[in-house]
């Protein structure tokens, strides 16, 4: 069965779940987006966990190339993947919801996008599943270059962005305005990853096509290099994620197909503790919010992998290969579901680029532990 919804005049082709309750294998559903799919993000805020945002980036080549995109919002549960809102925008490279427990003056979730027009745009999610569910509240021109990645600080008061010219920007986000606090030349080529350290918010990390992984101390203006590693990654650094469960652990992913685990207790010289090859460029990594050491990875030409890290032991516990194009976007649902066999399960959303496909699924293996 295929059902169609047509929010704001845009058609979406979604197929509902194929699910066997009480057994391990579940595909909740899938949907074809209106462009090349590259980011999926479940909302982390209470009362909005069911909201999934998916974005696109589509390059129209020619004498005057254009980069267009969209953001689509879905209601997701075990019975549906239901598109309820979509709007057109510039081509999006990255987007993230503001962190839970951040700015106390913000009463609704905020979704920030880094786009090909060089803008930071921030949208306010309304408590609505119809009409204009997202309202743009900030629109900041950051650069004439493309904005490739972003991250919120723990209080949702500033955002760091990586740019296609090798620069990193730091933008203040207030209730009524945004402003650029700093911008500096951080790398020789595109900055694909920039991330705050939530345990030391004056420190941000960056990774680039120049194969360098760096740390920056924001207490100086302009920011000073806290460390630089140019030897570990054999190709460009695609993603950086600090463990939410261990303040000493950080993960990086690279085009060289490796997920690396770092000990950052020595800020001036982080130690690459262990590495695992995932068989495809590691474009995006997401820590599970509840289960320590559980990582979801988008592996470009090799689908998606769930990796378990326990000290120096790193192993793949599940793979998902039902996409037929570049594996780019991936995220965990922020809650758990219960099955008839008394096991906790979680929902995963993934998307692939050229086939424009969003999939929502439940891992087969017992990665959450018993109830």
Protein backbone atom coordinates (compact mmCIF):
# COMPACT_ATOMS: atom_id res chain seq x y z
CA UNK A 1 0.00 0.00 0.00
CA UNK A 2 1.23 3.48 -0.89
CA UNK A 3 -0.33 6.62 0.51
CA UNK A 4 0.25 10.17 -0.67
CA UNK A 5 0.29 13.45 1.17
CA UNK A 6 0.63 16.80 -0.42
CA UNK A 7 1.78 19.43 2.13
CA UNK A 8 1.91 22.94 0.74
CA UNK A 9 1.45 21.63 -2.79
CA UNK A 10 4.46 19.26 -2.71
CA UNK A 11 3.93 15.57 -3.33
CA UNK A 12 5.66 12.88 -1.28
CA UNK A 13 5.67 9.15 -1.94
CA UNK A 14 5.77 7.31 1.38
CA UNK A 15 5.30 3.64 2.08
CA UNK A 16 4.09 2.60 5.54
CA UNK A 17 5.60 -0.01 7.78
CA UNK A 18 6.44 -3.60 7.04
CA UNK A 19 6.53 -4.91 10.58
CA UNK A 20 6.14 -8.16 12.50
CA UNK A 21 5.45 -7.40 16.16
CA UNK A 22 7.29 -9.66 18.56
CA UNK A 23 10.00 -10.62 16.06
CA UNK A 24 13.30 -8.84 15.61
CA UNK A 25 13.18 -7.53 12.06
CA UNK A 26 11.31 -4.28 11.54
CA UNK A 27 11.22 -1.78 8.69
CA UNK A 28 8.95 0.99 9.89
CA UNK A 29 8.62 2.67 6.52
CA UNK A 30 10.31 4.76 3.87
CA UNK A 31 9.75 7.88 1.84
CA UNK A 32 11.24 9.41 -1.29
CA UNK A 33 12.22 13.04 -0.79
CA UNK A 34 12.14 15.85 -3.35
CA UNK A 35 15.92 16.00 -3.83
CA UNK A 36 19.21 14.35 -2.91
CA UNK A 37 18.83 13.32 0.73
CA UNK A 38 21.77 14.11 3.01
CA UNK A 39 20.68 14.80 6.62
CA UNK A 40 18.13 13.29 9.02
CA UNK A 41 17.67 14.56 12.59
CA UNK A 42 15.22 13.36 15.25
CA UNK A 43 14.13 16.15 17.58
CA UNK A 44 15.68 15.61 21.05
CA UNK A 45 13.15 17.73 22.96
CA UNK A 46 10.43 16.25 25.14
CA UNK A 47 7.00 16.16 23.46
CA UNK A 48 8.73 16.36 20.06
CA UNK A 49 10.66 13.07 19.96
CA UNK A 50 8.35 11.84 17.20
CA UNK A 51 9.39 14.69 14.87
CA UNK A 52 12.00 13.78 12.26
CA UNK A 53 13.59 16.42 10.02
CA UNK A 54 15.13 15.44 6.68
CA UNK A 55 16.97 17.77 4.32
CA UNK A 56 18.13 17.72 0.71
CA UNK A 57 20.85 19.20 -1.47
CA UNK A 58 20.45 19.17 -5.25
CA UNK A 59 22.97 20.68 -7.65
CA UNK A 60 21.63 21.87 -11.00
CA UNK A 61 24.69 22.06 -13.23
CA UNK A 62 25.14 24.38 -16.19
CA UNK A 63 26.43 27.83 -17.05
CA UNK A 64 24.80 29.19 -13.91
CA UNK A 65 24.69 26.28 -11.45
CA UNK A 66 22.16 26.41 -8.63
CA UNK A 67 22.05 24.55 -5.34
CA UNK A 68 18.53 24.01 -4.06
CA UNK A 69 17.23 22.13 -1.06
CA UNK A 70 14.33 21.48 1.27
CA UNK A 71 13.46 20.52 4.83
CA UNK A 72 10.74 17.93 5.39
CA UNK A 73 9.16 17.11 8.75
CA UNK A 74 7.72 13.69 9.55
CA UNK A 75 5.73 12.15 12.37
CA UNK A 76 7.41 8.84 13.17
CA UNK A 77 6.20 6.00 15.36
CA UNK A 78 5.93 2.24 14.99
CA UNK A 79 2.95 2.61 12.71
CA UNK A 80 3.88 5.39 10.32
CA UNK A 81 6.35 7.66 8.62
CA UNK A 82 3.99 10.54 7.94
CA UNK A 83 5.11 13.69 6.13
CA UNK A 84 3.33 16.75 7.55
CA UNK A 85 5.39 19.74 6.42
CA UNK A 86 7.91 20.72 3.77
CA UNK A 87 9.44 23.93 2.51
CA UNK A 88 12.00 24.86 -0.13
CA UNK A 89 15.28 26.55 0.76
CA UNK A 90 18.91 26.67 -0.34
CA UNK A 91 20.84 23.41 -0.66
CA UNK A 92 21.54 22.11 2.85
CA UNK A 93 24.79 20.44 3.88
CA UNK A 94 24.01 20.08 7.59
CA UNK A 95 21.31 20.83 10.15
CA UNK A 96 20.89 20.27 13.90
CA UNK A 97 18.29 20.81 16.61
CA UNK A 98 19.34 22.95 19.56
CA UNK A 99 20.45 20.88 22.58
CA UNK A 100 18.08 19.95 25.39
CA UNK A 101 18.57 22.00 28.56
CA UNK A 102 20.20 24.86 26.71
CA UNK A 103 18.97 28.45 26.67
CA UNK A 104 16.14 28.72 29.22
CA UNK A 105 14.52 31.56 27.27
CA UNK A 106 13.88 29.25 24.31
CA UNK A 107 10.59 27.45 24.88
CA UNK A 108 10.35 25.57 21.56
CA UNK A 109 12.88 23.51 19.61
CA UNK A 110 15.11 25.34 17.14
CA UNK A 111 16.46 23.77 13.95
CA UNK A 112 19.61 25.34 12.45
CA UNK A 113 20.74 24.80 8.86
CA UNK A 114 24.10 25.32 7.15
CA UNK A 115 23.50 25.96 3.47
CA UNK A 116 25.12 26.41 0.09
CA UNK A 117 24.24 30.12 -0.05
CA UNK A 118 26.57 30.79 2.90
CA UNK A 119 23.77 31.32 5.43
CA UNK A 120 22.98 30.17 8.92
CA UNK A 121 19.22 29.91 9.14
CA UNK A 122 17.42 29.02 12.37
CA UNK A 123 13.82 27.78 12.44
CA UNK A 124 11.41 27.62 15.35
CA UNK A 125 9.32 24.42 15.56
CA UNK A 126 5.74 25.15 16.48
CA UNK A 127 3.56 22.71 18.37
CA UNK A 128 1.63 21.89 15.23
CA UNK A 129 1.39 19.09 12.69
CA UNK A 130 -0.31 21.22 10.04
CA UNK A 131 0.09 24.65 8.57
CA UNK A 132 3.43 26.42 8.97
CA UNK A 133 5.16 24.10 11.43
CA UNK A 134 8.56 25.82 11.06
CA UNK A 135 9.06 29.57 11.28
CA UNK A 136 12.38 31.16 10.35
CA UNK A 137 13.61 33.28 13.28
CA UNK A 138 17.22 33.96 12.24
CA UNK A 139 18.79 34.52 8.85
CA UNK A 140 22.52 35.27 9.08
CA UNK A 141 24.80 35.66 6.05
CA UNK A 142 28.03 34.04 7.23
CA UNK A 143 30.21 33.90 4.15
CA UNK A 144 30.37 34.12 0.37
CA UNK A 145 31.60 30.52 0.63
CA UNK A 146 29.30 27.57 1.33
CA UNK A 147 28.44 26.62 4.92
CA UNK A 148 29.15 22.89 5.20
CA UNK A 149 28.61 21.93 8.84
CA UNK A 150 27.46 23.29 12.17
CA UNK A 151 27.19 22.56 15.88
CA UNK A 152 25.44 24.24 18.84
CA UNK A 153 27.23 24.96 22.09
CA UNK A 154 25.66 23.27 25.18
CA UNK A 155 23.60 26.34 26.10
CA UNK A 156 22.32 27.01 22.57
CA UNK A 157 23.78 30.50 22.71
CA UNK A 158 26.27 30.10 19.87
CA UNK A 159 26.92 27.99 16.79
CA UNK A 160 30.17 27.02 15.12
CA UNK A 161 30.19 26.53 11.35
CA UNK A 162 32.71 25.08 8.89
CA UNK A 163 33.04 26.71 5.48
CA UNK A 164 34.09 25.56 2.02
CA UNK A 165 37.03 28.01 1.94
CA UNK A 166 38.64 26.34 4.98
CA UNK A 167 37.38 28.85 7.53
CA UNK A 168 35.53 28.29 10.81
CA UNK A 169 32.97 30.79 12.08
CA UNK A 170 31.55 31.33 15.56
CA UNK A 171 28.08 32.91 15.60
CA UNK A 172 26.22 34.26 18.63
CA UNK A 173 22.55 33.23 18.78
CA UNK A 174 20.31 35.44 20.90
CA UNK A 175 16.55 35.52 21.13
CA UNK A 176 16.18 38.42 18.72
CA UNK A 177 19.41 38.46 16.71
CA UNK A 178 22.54 36.64 15.58
CA UNK A 179 26.03 38.04 15.08
CA UNK A 180 29.39 36.73 13.94
CA UNK A 181 31.79 36.65 16.92
CA UNK A 182 34.85 35.22 15.18
CA UNK A 183 35.93 33.81 11.85
CA UNK A 184 39.38 32.45 11.09
CA UNK A 185 41.23 30.44 8.49
CA UNK A 186 41.39 27.01 10.07
CA UNK A 187 42.28 24.64 7.21
CA UNK A 188 43.62 24.53 3.68
CA UNK A 189 40.49 22.95 2.18
CA UNK A 190 36.80 22.39 2.96
CA UNK A 191 35.87 22.07 6.65
CA UNK A 192 33.46 19.13 6.80
CA UNK A 193 33.27 18.90 10.59
CA UNK A 194 33.26 21.36 13.46
CA UNK A 195 32.06 20.53 16.95
CA UNK A 196 31.95 21.99 20.44
CA UNK A 197 33.34 20.00 23.35
CA UNK A 198 30.32 19.97 25.72
CA UNK A 199 32.60 19.28 28.68
CA UNK A 200 34.91 22.18 27.78
CA UNK A 201 32.74 24.59 25.74
CA UNK A 202 35.64 26.98 25.16
CA UNK A 203 37.13 24.22 22.96
CA UNK A 204 35.91 23.35 19.47
CA UNK A 205 37.18 20.70 17.08
CA UNK A 206 37.47 20.90 13.31
CA UNK A 207 38.23 18.43 10.52
CA UNK A 208 38.88 19.05 6.86
CA UNK A 209 39.65 17.73 3.40
CA UNK A 210 43.29 18.60 4.20
CA UNK A 211 43.30 15.46 6.43
CA UNK A 212 43.90 17.56 9.55
CA UNK A 213 42.08 17.23 12.87
CA UNK A 214 42.41 20.32 15.05
CA UNK A 215 41.30 21.81 18.34
CA UNK A 216 40.72 25.52 18.92
CA UNK A 217 40.70 27.54 22.14
CA UNK A 218 37.92 30.15 21.94
CA UNK A 219 39.22 32.07 24.95
CA UNK A 220 41.62 33.80 22.59
CA UNK A 221 40.46 36.12 19.84
CA UNK A 222 41.17 35.08 17.21
CA UNK A 223 41.05 31.48 18.41
CA UNK A 224 44.35 29.73 18.95
CA UNK A 225 45.25 26.18 17.95
CA UNK A 226 45.09 23.90 21.00
CA UNK A 227 46.36 20.93 18.98
CA UNK A 228 46.81 19.74 15.41
CA UNK A 229 46.98 16.17 14.14
CA UNK A 230 47.91 15.78 10.48
CA UNK A 231 49.12 12.16 10.54
CA UNK A 232 46.28 9.94 11.78
CA UNK A 233 43.75 10.45 8.97
CA UNK A 234 44.90 9.27 5.56
CA UNK A 235 42.09 11.16 3.81
CA UNK A 236 39.72 14.01 4.69
CA UNK A 237 38.08 14.21 8.11
CA UNK A 238 34.29 14.06 7.62
CA UNK A 239 32.77 14.05 11.12
CA UNK A 240 33.61 14.60 14.78
CA UNK A 241 31.49 13.61 17.80
CA UNK A 242 32.26 13.79 21.51
CA UNK A 243 30.95 10.95 23.65
CA UNK A 244 28.00 12.11 25.79
CA UNK A 245 28.87 9.45 28.36
CA UNK A 246 32.65 9.76 28.74
CA UNK A 247 34.23 13.25 28.90
CA UNK A 248 37.58 11.81 27.78
CA UNK A 249 36.38 10.10 24.59
CA UNK A 250 35.89 11.58 21.13
CA UNK A 251 35.22 9.95 17.76
CA UNK A 252 36.23 10.96 14.24
CA UNK A 253 35.19 9.59 10.86
CA UNK A 254 37.14 9.91 7.62
CA UNK A 255 36.98 9.28 3.89
CA UNK A 256 39.72 6.71 4.60
CA UNK A 257 36.88 4.44 5.88
CA UNK A 258 38.03 4.44 9.51
CA UNK A 259 36.20 5.32 12.69
CA UNK A 260 38.77 6.46 15.25
CA UNK A 261 38.45 6.62 19.02
CA UNK A 262 40.43 9.39 20.76
CA UNK A 263 41.39 10.07 24.35
CA UNK A 264 41.35 13.86 24.76
CA UNK A 265 42.57 14.15 28.35
CA UNK A 266 45.73 15.73 27.00
CA UNK A 267 44.22 18.55 24.95
CA UNK A 268 47.56 19.47 23.41
CA UNK A 269 48.03 15.92 22.14
CA UNK A 270 44.94 13.68 21.93
CA UNK A 271 45.73 9.96 21.72
CA UNK A 272 44.24 7.78 18.97
CA UNK A 273 43.35 4.81 21.15
CA UNK A 274 41.83 2.49 18.57
CA UNK A 275 40.51 2.38 15.00
CA UNK A 276 38.01 0.26 13.07
CA UNK A 277 37.60 0.10 9.29
CA UNK A 278 33.91 0.28 8.28
CA UNK A 279 34.40 -0.44 4.56
CA UNK A 280 33.23 2.96 3.35
CA UNK A 281 33.94 6.61 3.97
CA UNK A 282 32.62 7.48 7.43
CA UNK A 283 30.53 10.55 6.62
CA UNK A 284 28.46 10.88 9.80
CA UNK A 285 28.57 9.40 13.31
CA UNK A 286 25.90 9.64 16.00
CA UNK A 287 26.24 8.59 19.63
CA UNK A 288 23.25 6.93 21.23
CA UNK A 289 21.87 9.24 23.90
CA UNK A 290 21.31 6.47 26.49
CA UNK A 291 23.57 3.50 25.70
CA UNK A 292 27.28 4.30 26.28
CA UNK A 293 29.63 3.47 23.42
CA UNK A 294 26.88 2.76 20.88
CA UNK A 295 27.51 4.59 17.60
CA UNK A 296 25.50 4.84 14.39
CA UNK A 297 27.68 5.49 11.33
CA UNK A 298 26.83 6.45 7.75
CA UNK A 299 29.47 4.71 5.60
CA UNK A 300 28.88 6.23 2.15
CA UNK A 301 29.40 3.33 -0.33
CA UNK A 302 28.94 0.66 2.37
CA UNK A 303 25.57 1.44 3.92
CA UNK A 304 25.12 2.02 7.63
CA UNK A 305 26.78 0.39 10.63
CA UNK A 306 26.07 0.24 14.36
CA UNK A 307 29.32 0.06 16.29
CA UNK A 308 29.87 -0.83 19.94
CA UNK A 309 32.88 0.70 21.70
CA UNK A 310 33.91 -0.79 25.05
CA UNK A 311 37.35 0.40 26.11
CA UNK A 312 39.82 -0.71 23.45
CA UNK A 313 37.34 -3.21 22.01
CA UNK A 314 35.47 -1.85 18.99
CA UNK A 315 33.19 -4.02 16.88
CA UNK A 316 30.35 -3.75 14.38
CA UNK A 317 27.19 -5.18 15.94
CA UNK A 318 24.83 -4.55 13.02
CA UNK A 319 24.80 -3.33 9.43
CA UNK A 320 21.96 -1.97 7.30
CA UNK A 321 22.23 -2.15 3.51
CA UNK A 322 18.74 -1.48 2.17
CA UNK A 323 19.81 1.82 0.61
CA UNK A 324 21.12 1.79 -2.95
CA UNK A 325 23.04 5.07 -2.98
CA UNK A 326 25.55 7.03 -0.89
CA UNK A 327 24.79 6.61 2.82
CA UNK A 328 24.85 10.15 4.18
CA UNK A 329 22.29 10.88 6.92
CA UNK A 330 21.67 8.91 10.11
CA UNK A 331 20.18 9.48 13.55
CA UNK A 332 18.75 7.70 16.59
CA UNK A 333 15.24 8.22 17.93
CA UNK A 334 15.59 9.70 21.43
CA UNK A 335 13.44 7.12 23.22
CA UNK A 336 13.02 3.36 23.33
CA UNK A 337 10.21 1.04 22.33
CA UNK A 338 9.20 -2.27 23.90
CA UNK A 339 8.60 -5.55 22.08
CA UNK A 340 6.68 -8.64 23.05
CA UNK A 341 9.90 -10.48 23.94
CA UNK A 342 10.50 -7.93 26.74
CA UNK A 343 13.45 -6.35 24.95
CA UNK A 344 14.11 -2.65 24.51
CA UNK A 345 14.46 -1.50 20.94
CA UNK A 346 15.19 1.82 19.33
CA UNK A 347 14.24 3.45 16.04
CA UNK A 348 16.81 4.59 13.47
CA UNK A 349 16.38 6.97 10.54
CA UNK A 350 18.79 6.89 7.58
CA UNK A 351 18.90 8.52 4.17
CA UNK A 352 20.81 8.07 0.94
CA UNK A 353 21.79 10.68 -1.58
CA UNK A 354 21.11 10.03 -5.25
CA UNK A 355 18.09 7.75 -4.80
CA UNK A 356 16.56 10.46 -2.53
CA UNK A 357 15.45 7.81 -0.04
CA UNK A 358 14.59 8.12 3.65
CA UNK A 359 14.23 4.90 5.62
CA UNK A 360 13.08 4.36 9.21
CA UNK A 361 13.92 1.02 10.80
CA UNK A 362 14.49 -0.88 14.02
CA UNK A 363 17.82 -2.70 14.59
CA UNK A 364 17.55 -6.48 14.64
CA UNK A 365 20.04 -7.19 17.40
CA UNK A 366 19.68 -6.72 21.13
CA UNK A 367 21.73 -3.52 21.36
CA UNK A 368 19.62 -1.85 24.07
CA UNK A 369 19.64 -4.64 26.66
CA UNK A 370 16.67 -6.11 28.56
CA UNK A 371 13.82 -4.01 29.98
